[in-house]
């Protein structure tokens, strides 16, 4: 465990995974909003 105490190890290890999940969720959320915006713009023309 990288020669860290167990408590410190478990406080640090989950964060990269939490950030990756957050990034993936935001990516798909913003992508969907972007596609809806493009459809609205095309519909106005």
C-alpha atoms as a PDB file:
ATOM      1  CA  UNK A   1       0.000   0.000   0.000  1.00  0.00           C
ATOM      2  CA  UNK A   2       2.756   2.441  -0.915  1.00  0.00           C
ATOM      3  CA  UNK A   3       4.105   2.309   2.684  1.00  0.00           C
ATOM      4  CA  UNK A   4       1.234   4.522   3.881  1.00  0.00           C
ATOM      5  CA  UNK A   5      -0.929   3.879   6.925  1.00  0.00           C
ATOM      6  CA  UNK A   6      -4.148   2.092   5.924  1.00  0.00           C
ATOM      7  CA  UNK A   7      -6.360   5.045   6.856  1.00  0.00           C
ATOM      8  CA  UNK A   8      -4.359   7.461   4.679  1.00  0.00           C
ATOM      9  CA  UNK A   9      -4.309   4.945   1.841  1.00  0.00           C
ATOM     10  CA  UNK A  10      -8.095   4.601   1.819  1.00  0.00           C
ATOM     11  CA  UNK A  11      -8.566   8.379   2.044  1.00  0.00           C
ATOM     12  CA  UNK A  12      -6.401   8.976  -1.044  1.00  0.00           C
ATOM     13  CA  UNK A  13      -7.064   6.007  -3.317  1.00  0.00           C
ATOM     14  CA  UNK A  14     -10.773   6.538  -4.175  1.00  0.00           C
ATOM     15  CA  UNK A  15     -10.400  10.133  -5.416  1.00  0.00           C
ATOM     16  CA  UNK A  16      -9.068   9.442  -8.937  1.00  0.00           C
ATOM     17  CA  UNK A  17     -12.005   7.094  -9.509  1.00  0.00           C
ATOM     18  CA  UNK A  18     -14.480   9.636  -8.127  1.00  0.00           C
ATOM     19  CA  UNK A  19     -13.103  12.322 -10.478  1.00  0.00           C
ATOM     20  CA  UNK A  20     -13.230   9.959 -13.459  1.00  0.00           C
ATOM     21  CA  UNK A  21     -16.870   9.073 -12.789  1.00  0.00           C
ATOM     22  CA  UNK A  22     -17.731  12.750 -12.384  1.00  0.00           C
ATOM     23  CA  UNK A  23     -15.931  13.617 -15.630  1.00  0.00           C
ATOM     24  CA  UNK A  24     -17.739  10.877 -17.571  1.00  0.00           C
ATOM     25  CA  UNK A  25     -21.145  11.930 -16.215  1.00  0.00           C
ATOM     26  CA  UNK A  26     -20.517  15.587 -17.054  1.00  0.00           C
ATOM     27  CA  UNK A  27     -19.204  14.677 -20.518  1.00  0.00           C
ATOM     28  CA  UNK A  28     -22.388  12.837 -21.469  1.00  0.00           C
ATOM     29  CA  UNK A  29     -24.646  15.425 -19.820  1.00  0.00           C
ATOM     30  CA  UNK A  30     -23.010  18.329 -21.647  1.00  0.00           C
ATOM     31  CA  UNK A  31     -22.832  16.355 -24.910  1.00  0.00           C
ATOM     32  CA  UNK A  32     -26.586  15.717 -24.747  1.00  0.00           C
ATOM     33  CA  UNK A  33     -27.287  19.401 -24.033  1.00  0.00           C
ATOM     34  CA  UNK A  34     -25.048  20.395 -26.944  1.00  0.00           C
ATOM     35  CA  UNK A  35     -26.870  18.063 -29.333  1.00  0.00           C
ATOM     36  CA  UNK A  36     -30.243  19.437 -28.197  1.00  0.00           C
ATOM     37  CA  UNK A  37     -28.979  22.969 -28.781  1.00  0.00           C
ATOM     38  CA  UNK A  38     -27.840  22.061 -32.307  1.00  0.00           C
ATOM     39  CA  UNK A  39     -31.257  20.553 -33.077  1.00  0.00           C
ATOM     40  CA  UNK A  40     -32.974  23.731 -31.883  1.00  0.00           C
ATOM     41  CA  UNK A  41     -30.712  25.871 -34.078  1.00  0.00           C
ATOM     42  CA  UNK A  42     -31.358  23.647 -37.113  1.00  0.00           C
ATOM     43  CA  UNK A  43     -35.095  23.765 -36.413  1.00  0.00           C
ATOM     44  CA  UNK A  44     -35.112  27.579 -36.449  1.00  0.00           C
ATOM     45  CA  UNK A  45     -33.531  27.788 -39.894  1.00  0.00           C
END
